[in-house]
Amino acid sequence: MLQDDYLMAMKRLTVSSLVKSKEEFEQEVKKLGRIQHPNLVTLEGYYWTPSLQPVIYEYLTGGSLYSHLHENLESTPL
C-alpha cells in the first residue's frame, strides 16, 4: 500500500520479441529489482498484460536525464 501523494514514474514497455512470456518478463524485472546503487532509481513494481508491461520506478524531481544531458548544456551540473 502506498502513502497518499506518493509519486512514481512509470515506463510503459510493449511486447517485444525479446520477452517471450510472462514468466520471462517477471524474471528480468526481478533481476532489475535486485540492483541497488545510489546513482540508480529504485524499481518499485511492475504489472503484466499481454499487450503492455508497465514498470514502476521511484520518481525523482529535477527533470529528465535527457534534458540534463542535451538541453541544459551550460546550466548547473548534475
PDB file of N, CA and C in Angstrom:
ATOM      1  N   MET A   1       0.847  -1.176   0.000  1.00  0.00           N
ATOM      2  CA  MET A   1       0.000   0.000   0.000  1.00  0.00           C
ATOM      3  C   MET A   1       0.889   1.235   0.000  1.00  0.00           C
ATOM      4  N   LEU A   2       0.595   2.165  -0.865  1.00  0.00           N
ATOM      5  CA  LEU A   2       1.378   3.386  -0.965  1.00  0.00           C
ATOM      6  C   LEU A   2       0.772   4.483  -0.110  1.00  0.00           C
ATOM      7  N   GLN A   3       1.625   5.382   0.326  1.00  0.00           N
ATOM      8  CA  GLN A   3       1.163   6.541   1.076  1.00  0.00           C
ATOM      9  C   GLN A   3       0.421   7.480   0.125  1.00  0.00           C
ATOM     10  N   ASP A   4      -0.444   8.320   0.687  1.00  0.00           N
ATOM     11  CA  ASP A   4      -1.088   9.349  -0.126  1.00  0.00           C
ATOM     12  C   ASP A   4      -0.022  10.265  -0.709  1.00  0.00           C
ATOM     13  N   ASP A   5      -0.257  10.746  -1.906  1.00  0.00           N
ATOM     14  CA  ASP A   5       0.638  11.688  -2.582  1.00  0.00           C
ATOM     15  C   ASP A   5       2.022  11.115  -2.869  1.00  0.00           C
ATOM     16  N   TYR A   6       2.131   9.809  -2.976  1.00  0.00           N
ATOM     17  CA  TYR A   6       3.410   9.175  -3.300  1.00  0.00           C
ATOM     18  C   TYR A   6       3.574   9.182  -4.815  1.00  0.00           C
ATOM     19  N   LEU A   7       4.580   9.882  -5.319  1.00  0.00           N
ATOM     20  CA  LEU A   7       4.801   9.974  -6.758  1.00  0.00           C
ATOM     21  C   LEU A   7       5.684   8.830  -7.237  1.00  0.00           C
ATOM     22  N   MET A   8       5.342   8.309  -8.401  1.00  0.00           N
ATOM     23  CA  MET A   8       6.139   7.256  -9.019  1.00  0.00           C
ATOM     24  C   MET A   8       6.284   7.583 -10.499  1.00  0.00           C
ATOM     25  N   ALA A   9       7.257   6.983 -11.125  1.00  0.00           N
ATOM     26  CA  ALA A   9       7.445   7.114 -12.568  1.00  0.00           C
ATOM     27  C   ALA A   9       7.120   5.769 -13.208  1.00  0.00           C
ATOM     28  N   MET A  10       6.391   5.823 -14.324  1.00  0.00           N
ATOM     29  CA  MET A  10       6.030   4.581 -14.994  1.00  0.00           C
ATOM     30  C   MET A  10       6.657   4.546 -16.376  1.00  0.00           C
ATOM     31  N   LYS A  11       7.331   3.461 -16.669  1.00  0.00           N
ATOM     32  CA  LYS A  11       7.857   3.224 -18.007  1.00  0.00           C
ATOM     33  C   LYS A  11       6.965   2.176 -18.643  1.00  0.00           C
ATOM     34  N   ARG A  12       6.341   2.534 -19.758  1.00  0.00           N
ATOM     35  CA  ARG A  12       5.438   1.602 -20.432  1.00  0.00           C
ATOM     36  C   ARG A  12       6.223   0.799 -21.460  1.00  0.00           C
ATOM     37  N   LEU A  13       6.374  -0.460 -21.199  1.00  0.00           N
ATOM     38  CA  LEU A  13       7.033  -1.354 -22.139  1.00  0.00           C
ATOM     39  C   LEU A  13       5.970  -2.011 -22.997  1.00  0.00           C
ATOM     40  N   THR A  14       6.314  -2.311 -24.222  1.00  0.00           N
ATOM     41  CA  THR A  14       5.393  -3.042 -25.087  1.00  0.00           C
ATOM     42  C   THR A  14       5.993  -4.405 -25.391  1.00  0.00           C
ATOM     43  N   VAL A  15       5.146  -5.317 -25.762  1.00  0.00           N
ATOM     44  CA  VAL A  15       5.600  -6.673 -26.052  1.00  0.00           C
ATOM     45  C   VAL A  15       6.629  -6.623 -27.170  1.00  0.00           C
ATOM     46  N   SER A  16       7.722  -7.310 -26.954  1.00  0.00           N
ATOM     47  CA  SER A  16       8.758  -7.388 -27.981  1.00  0.00           C
ATOM     48  C   SER A  16       9.165  -8.835 -28.175  1.00  0.00           C
ATOM     49  N   SER A  17       9.931  -9.057 -29.187  1.00  0.00           N
ATOM     50  CA  SER A  17      10.407 -10.414 -29.440  1.00  0.00           C
ATOM     51  C   SER A  17      11.408 -10.853 -28.379  1.00  0.00           C
ATOM     52  N   LEU A  18      11.940  -9.901 -27.610  1.00  0.00           N
ATOM     53  CA  LEU A  18      12.913 -10.252 -26.577  1.00  0.00           C
ATOM     54  C   LEU A  18      12.257 -10.913 -25.373  1.00  0.00           C
ATOM     55  N   VAL A  19      11.013 -10.566 -25.101  1.00  0.00           N
ATOM     56  CA  VAL A  19      10.293 -11.153 -23.970  1.00  0.00           C
ATOM     57  C   VAL A  19       9.235 -12.084 -24.533  1.00  0.00           C
ATOM     58  N   LYS A  20       9.428 -13.362 -24.332  1.00  0.00           N
ATOM     59  CA  LYS A  20       8.554 -14.351 -24.945  1.00  0.00           C
ATOM     60  C   LYS A  20       7.361 -14.730 -24.068  1.00  0.00           C
ATOM     61  N   SER A  21       7.448 -14.515 -22.767  1.00  0.00           N
ATOM     62  CA  SER A  21       6.375 -14.959 -21.883  1.00  0.00           C
ATOM     63  C   SER A  21       6.319 -14.086 -20.632  1.00  0.00           C
ATOM     64  N   LYS A  22       5.227 -14.215 -19.895  1.00  0.00           N
ATOM     65  CA  LYS A  22       5.073 -13.507 -18.625  1.00  0.00           C
ATOM     66  C   LYS A  22       6.165 -13.933 -17.657  1.00  0.00           C
ATOM     67  N   GLU A  23       6.471 -15.209 -17.624  1.00  0.00           N
ATOM     68  CA  GLU A  23       7.491 -15.720 -16.704  1.00  0.00           C
ATOM     69  C   GLU A  23       8.861 -15.122 -17.016  1.00  0.00           C
ATOM     70  N   GLU A  24       9.199 -15.027 -18.296  1.00  0.00           N
ATOM     71  CA  GLU A  24      10.482 -14.442 -18.682  1.00  0.00           C
ATOM     72  C   GLU A  24      10.533 -12.961 -18.305  1.00  0.00           C
ATOM     73  N   PHE A  25       9.436 -12.246 -18.528  1.00  0.00           N
ATOM     74  CA  PHE A  25       9.352 -10.842 -18.150  1.00  0.00           C
ATOM     75  C   PHE A  25       9.558 -10.685 -16.647  1.00  0.00           C
ATOM     76  N   GLU A  26       8.858 -11.505 -15.853  1.00  0.00           N
ATOM     77  CA  GLU A  26       8.981 -11.419 -14.398  1.00  0.00           C
ATOM     78  C   GLU A  26      10.399 -11.722 -13.938  1.00  0.00           C
ATOM     79  N   GLN A  27      11.062 -12.677 -14.555  1.00  0.00           N
ATOM     80  CA  GLN A  27      12.449 -12.981 -14.190  1.00  0.00           C
ATOM     81  C   GLN A  27      13.349 -11.773 -14.432  1.00  0.00           C
ATOM     82  N   GLU A  28      13.180 -11.126 -15.592  1.00  0.00           N
ATOM     83  CA  GLU A  28      14.007  -9.967 -15.917  1.00  0.00           C
ATOM     84  C   GLU A  28      13.734  -8.800 -14.969  1.00  0.00           C
ATOM     85  N   VAL A  29      12.470  -8.554 -14.658  1.00  0.00           N
ATOM     86  CA  VAL A  29      12.122  -7.449 -13.762  1.00  0.00           C
ATOM     87  C   VAL A  29      12.638  -7.727 -12.354  1.00  0.00           C
ATOM     88  N   LYS A  30      12.568  -8.957 -11.913  1.00  0.00           N
ATOM     89  CA  LYS A  30      13.087  -9.294 -10.583  1.00  0.00           C
ATOM     90  C   LYS A  30      14.594  -9.086 -10.515  1.00  0.00           C
ATOM     91  N   LYS A  31      15.304  -9.365 -11.606  1.00  0.00           N
ATOM     92  CA  LYS A  31      16.745  -9.082 -11.652  1.00  0.00           C
ATOM     93  C   LYS A  31      16.983  -7.582 -11.507  1.00  0.00           C
ATOM     94  N   LEU A  32      16.196  -6.786 -12.233  1.00  0.00           N
ATOM     95  CA  LEU A  32      16.320  -5.330 -12.114  1.00  0.00           C
ATOM     96  C   LEU A  32      16.037  -4.860 -10.692  1.00  0.00           C
ATOM     97  N   GLY A  33      15.072  -5.487 -10.045  1.00  0.00           N
ATOM     98  CA  GLY A  33      14.702  -5.104  -8.685  1.00  0.00           C
ATOM     99  C   GLY A  33      15.786  -5.367  -7.659  1.00  0.00           C
ATOM    100  N   ARG A  34      16.684  -6.284  -7.951  1.00  0.00           N
ATOM    101  CA  ARG A  34      17.777  -6.588  -7.017  1.00  0.00           C
ATOM    102  C   ARG A  34      18.947  -5.615  -7.139  1.00  0.00           C
ATOM    103  N   ILE A  35      18.965  -4.849  -8.210  1.00  0.00           N
ATOM    104  CA  ILE A  35      20.058  -3.895  -8.407  1.00  0.00           C
ATOM    105  C   ILE A  35      19.813  -2.678  -7.521  1.00  0.00           C
ATOM    106  N   GLN A  36      20.757  -2.394  -6.663  1.00  0.00           N
ATOM    107  CA  GLN A  36      20.651  -1.224  -5.793  1.00  0.00           C
ATOM    108  C   GLN A  36      21.957  -0.451  -5.858  1.00  0.00           C
ATOM    109  N   HIS A  37      21.843   0.813  -6.197  1.00  0.00           N
ATOM    110  CA  HIS A  37      23.006   1.685  -6.294  1.00  0.00           C
ATOM    111  C   HIS A  37      22.524   3.110  -6.046  1.00  0.00           C
ATOM    112  N   PRO A  38      23.307   3.933  -5.362  1.00  0.00           N
ATOM    113  CA  PRO A  38      22.860   5.296  -5.056  1.00  0.00           C
ATOM    114  C   PRO A  38      22.607   6.154  -6.297  1.00  0.00           C
ATOM    115  N   ASN A  39      23.184   5.800  -7.435  1.00  0.00           N
ATOM    116  CA  ASN A  39      23.001   6.593  -8.653  1.00  0.00           C
ATOM    117  C   ASN A  39      21.922   6.042  -9.583  1.00  0.00           C
ATOM    118  N   LEU A  40      21.184   5.041  -9.149  1.00  0.00           N
ATOM    119  CA  LEU A  40      20.118   4.450  -9.960  1.00  0.00           C
ATOM    120  C   LEU A  40      18.777   4.582  -9.252  1.00  0.00           C
ATOM    121  N   VAL A  41      17.717   4.793 -10.028  1.00  0.00           N
ATOM    122  CA  VAL A  41      16.383   4.839  -9.433  1.00  0.00           C
ATOM    123  C   VAL A  41      15.986   3.439  -8.981  1.00  0.00           C
ATOM    124  N   THR A  42      15.125   3.380  -7.981  1.00  0.00           N
ATOM    125  CA  THR A  42      14.680   2.110  -7.410  1.00  0.00           C
ATOM    126  C   THR A  42      13.452   1.601  -8.147  1.00  0.00           C
ATOM    127  N   LEU A  43      13.469   0.334  -8.487  1.00  0.00           N
ATOM    128  CA  LEU A  43      12.305  -0.306  -9.083  1.00  0.00           C
ATOM    129  C   LEU A  43      11.290  -0.561  -7.981  1.00  0.00           C
ATOM    130  N   GLU A  44      10.076  -0.046  -8.148  1.00  0.00           N
ATOM    131  CA  GLU A  44       9.034  -0.180  -7.133  1.00  0.00           C
ATOM    132  C   GLU A  44       8.047  -1.297  -7.438  1.00  0.00           C
ATOM    133  N   GLY A  45       7.850  -1.619  -8.713  1.00  0.00           N
ATOM    134  CA  GLY A  45       6.893  -2.663  -9.054  1.00  0.00           C
ATOM    135  C   GLY A  45       6.724  -2.806 -10.551  1.00  0.00           C
ATOM    136  N   TYR A  46       5.845  -3.721 -10.936  1.00  0.00           N
ATOM    137  CA  TYR A  46       5.566  -3.968 -12.348  1.00  0.00           C
ATOM    138  C   TYR A  46       4.200  -4.619 -12.470  1.00  0.00           C
ATOM    139  N   TYR A  47       3.728  -4.692 -13.704  1.00  0.00           N
ATOM    140  CA  TYR A  47       2.450  -5.333 -13.985  1.00  0.00           C
ATOM    141  C   TYR A  47       2.539  -5.952 -15.366  1.00  0.00           C
ATOM    142  N   TRP A  48       1.825  -7.028 -15.585  1.00  0.00           N
ATOM    143  CA  TRP A  48       1.861  -7.706 -16.879  1.00  0.00           C
ATOM    144  C   TRP A  48       0.465  -7.778 -17.489  1.00  0.00           C
ATOM    145  N   THR A  49       0.353  -7.386 -18.736  1.00  0.00           N
ATOM    146  CA  THR A  49      -0.803  -7.710 -19.569  1.00  0.00           C
ATOM    147  C   THR A  49      -0.218  -8.197 -20.893  1.00  0.00           C
ATOM    148  N   PRO A  50      -0.981  -8.903 -21.694  1.00  0.00           N
ATOM    149  CA  PRO A  50      -0.426  -9.390 -22.961  1.00  0.00           C
ATOM    150  C   PRO A  50       0.085  -8.289 -23.890  1.00  0.00           C
ATOM    151  N   SER A  51      -0.482  -7.093 -23.807  1.00  0.00           N
ATOM    152  CA  SER A  51      -0.070  -6.033 -24.727  1.00  0.00           C
ATOM    153  C   SER A  51       0.797  -4.943 -24.100  1.00  0.00           C
ATOM    154  N   LEU A  52       0.889  -4.906 -22.791  1.00  0.00           N
ATOM    155  CA  LEU A  52       1.618  -3.824 -22.131  1.00  0.00           C
ATOM    156  C   LEU A  52       2.185  -4.307 -20.806  1.00  0.00           C
ATOM    157  N   GLN A  53       3.421  -3.892 -20.538  1.00  0.00           N
ATOM    158  CA  GLN A  53       4.059  -4.250 -19.275  1.00  0.00           C
ATOM    159  C   GLN A  53       4.625  -2.988 -18.625  1.00  0.00           C
ATOM    160  N   PRO A  54       3.837  -2.303 -17.805  1.00  0.00           N
ATOM    161  CA  PRO A  54       4.365  -1.119 -17.132  1.00  0.00           C
ATOM    162  C   PRO A  54       5.333  -1.504 -16.008  1.00  0.00           C
ATOM    163  N   VAL A  55       6.415  -0.753 -15.918  1.00  0.00           N
ATOM    164  CA  VAL A  55       7.405  -0.935 -14.861  1.00  0.00           C
ATOM    165  C   VAL A  55       7.413   0.366 -14.064  1.00  0.00           C
ATOM    166  N   ILE A  56       7.313   0.260 -12.734  1.00  0.00           N
ATOM    167  CA  ILE A  56       7.172   1.424 -11.863  1.00  0.00           C
ATOM    168  C   ILE A  56       8.486   1.679 -11.121  1.00  0.00           C
ATOM    169  N   TYR A  57       8.951   2.915 -11.213  1.00  0.00           N
ATOM    170  CA  TYR A  57      10.188   3.326 -10.548  1.00  0.00           C
ATOM    171  C   TYR A  57       9.904   4.465  -9.578  1.00  0.00           C
ATOM    172  N   GLU A  58      10.838   4.691  -8.653  1.00  0.00           N
ATOM    173  CA  GLU A  58      10.721   5.861  -7.798  1.00  0.00           C
ATOM    174  C   GLU A  58      10.786   7.105  -8.678  1.00  0.00           C
ATOM    175  N   TYR A  59      10.119   8.156  -8.261  1.00  0.00           N
ATOM    176  CA  TYR A  59      10.091   9.403  -9.016  1.00  0.00           C
ATOM    177  C   TYR A  59      11.161  10.336  -8.468  1.00  0.00           C
ATOM    178  N   LEU A  60      11.965  10.888  -9.364  1.00  0.00           N
ATOM    179  CA  LEU A  60      12.971  11.857  -8.969  1.00  0.00           C
ATOM    180  C   LEU A  60      12.608  13.211  -9.556  1.00  0.00           C
ATOM    181  N   THR A  61      12.705  14.238  -8.742  1.00  0.00           N
ATOM    182  CA  THR A  61      12.422  15.590  -9.214  1.00  0.00           C
ATOM    183  C   THR A  61      13.646  16.148  -9.927  1.00  0.00           C
ATOM    184  N   GLY A  62      13.465  17.238 -10.620  1.00  0.00           N
ATOM    185  CA  GLY A  62      14.600  17.916 -11.226  1.00  0.00           C
ATOM    186  C   GLY A  62      14.709  17.733 -12.724  1.00  0.00           C
ATOM    187  N   GLY A  63      13.711  17.157 -13.354  1.00  0.00           N
ATOM    188  CA  GLY A  63      13.753  16.992 -14.799  1.00  0.00           C
ATOM    189  C   GLY A  63      14.300  15.641 -15.217  1.00  0.00           C
ATOM    190  N   SER A  64      14.276  15.417 -16.493  1.00  0.00           N
ATOM    191  CA  SER A  64      14.721  14.124 -17.019  1.00  0.00           C
ATOM    192  C   SER A  64      16.230  14.107 -17.227  1.00  0.00           C
ATOM    193  N   LEU A  65      16.781  12.926 -17.270  1.00  0.00           N
ATOM    194  CA  LEU A  65      18.198  12.770 -17.572  1.00  0.00           C
ATOM    195  C   LEU A  65      18.478  13.299 -18.973  1.00  0.00           C
ATOM    196  N   TYR A  66      17.572  13.024 -19.899  1.00  0.00           N
ATOM    197  CA  TYR A  66      17.743  13.510 -21.269  1.00  0.00           C
ATOM    198  C   TYR A  66      17.889  15.029 -21.291  1.00  0.00           C
ATOM    199  N   SER A  67      17.026  15.733 -20.570  1.00  0.00           N
ATOM    200  CA  SER A  67      17.104  17.196 -20.583  1.00  0.00           C
ATOM    201  C   SER A  67      18.400  17.685 -19.948  1.00  0.00           C
ATOM    202  N   HIS A  68      18.874  17.010 -18.929  1.00  0.00           N
ATOM    203  CA  HIS A  68      20.142  17.406 -18.312  1.00  0.00           C
ATOM    204  C   HIS A  68      21.311  17.179 -19.260  1.00  0.00           C
ATOM    205  N   LEU A  69      21.250  16.124 -20.037  1.00  0.00           N
ATOM    206  CA  LEU A  69      22.355  15.806 -20.935  1.00  0.00           C
ATOM    207  C   LEU A  69      22.330  16.608 -22.230  1.00  0.00           C
ATOM    208  N   HIS A  70      21.139  16.956 -22.731  1.00  0.00           N
ATOM    209  CA  HIS A  70      21.049  17.529 -24.068  1.00  0.00           C
ATOM    210  C   HIS A  70      20.538  18.958 -24.136  1.00  0.00           C
ATOM    211  N   GLU A  71      19.709  19.375 -23.218  1.00  0.00           N
ATOM    212  CA  GLU A  71      19.089  20.687 -23.335  1.00  0.00           C
ATOM    213  C   GLU A  71      19.710  21.733 -22.422  1.00  0.00           C
ATOM    214  N   ASN A  72      20.363  21.331 -21.386  1.00  0.00           N
ATOM    215  CA  ASN A  72      20.907  22.272 -20.404  1.00  0.00           C
ATOM    216  C   ASN A  72      22.430  22.199 -20.396  1.00  0.00           C
ATOM    217  N   LEU A  73      23.046  22.335 -21.546  1.00  0.00           N
ATOM    218  CA  LEU A  73      24.489  22.134 -21.651  1.00  0.00           C
ATOM    219  C   LEU A  73      25.297  23.132 -20.834  1.00  0.00           C
ATOM    220  N   GLU A  74      24.761  24.330 -20.594  1.00  0.00           N
ATOM    221  CA  GLU A  74      25.513  25.335 -19.851  1.00  0.00           C
ATOM    222  C   GLU A  74      24.885  25.651 -18.503  1.00  0.00           C
ATOM    223  N   SER A  75      24.024  24.780 -18.005  1.00  0.00           N
ATOM    224  CA  SER A  75      23.366  25.043 -16.722  1.00  0.00           C
ATOM    225  C   SER A  75      24.091  24.321 -15.596  1.00  0.00           C
ATOM    226  N   THR A  76      23.437  24.224 -14.480  1.00  0.00           N
ATOM    227  CA  THR A  76      24.001  23.607 -13.291  1.00  0.00           C
ATOM    228  C   THR A  76      24.384  22.155 -13.558  1.00  0.00           C
ATOM    229  N   PRO A  77      25.581  21.742 -13.158  1.00  0.00           N
ATOM    230  CA  PRO A  77      25.978  20.343 -13.368  1.00  0.00           C
ATOM    231  C   PRO A  77      25.168  19.401 -12.488  1.00  0.00           C
ATOM    232  N   LEU A  78      25.089  18.132 -12.933  1.00  0.00           N
ATOM    233  CA  LEU A  78      24.394  17.122 -12.144  1.00  0.00           C
ATOM    234  C   LEU A  78      25.144  16.915 -10.863  1.00  0.00           C
TER     235      LEU A  78
END
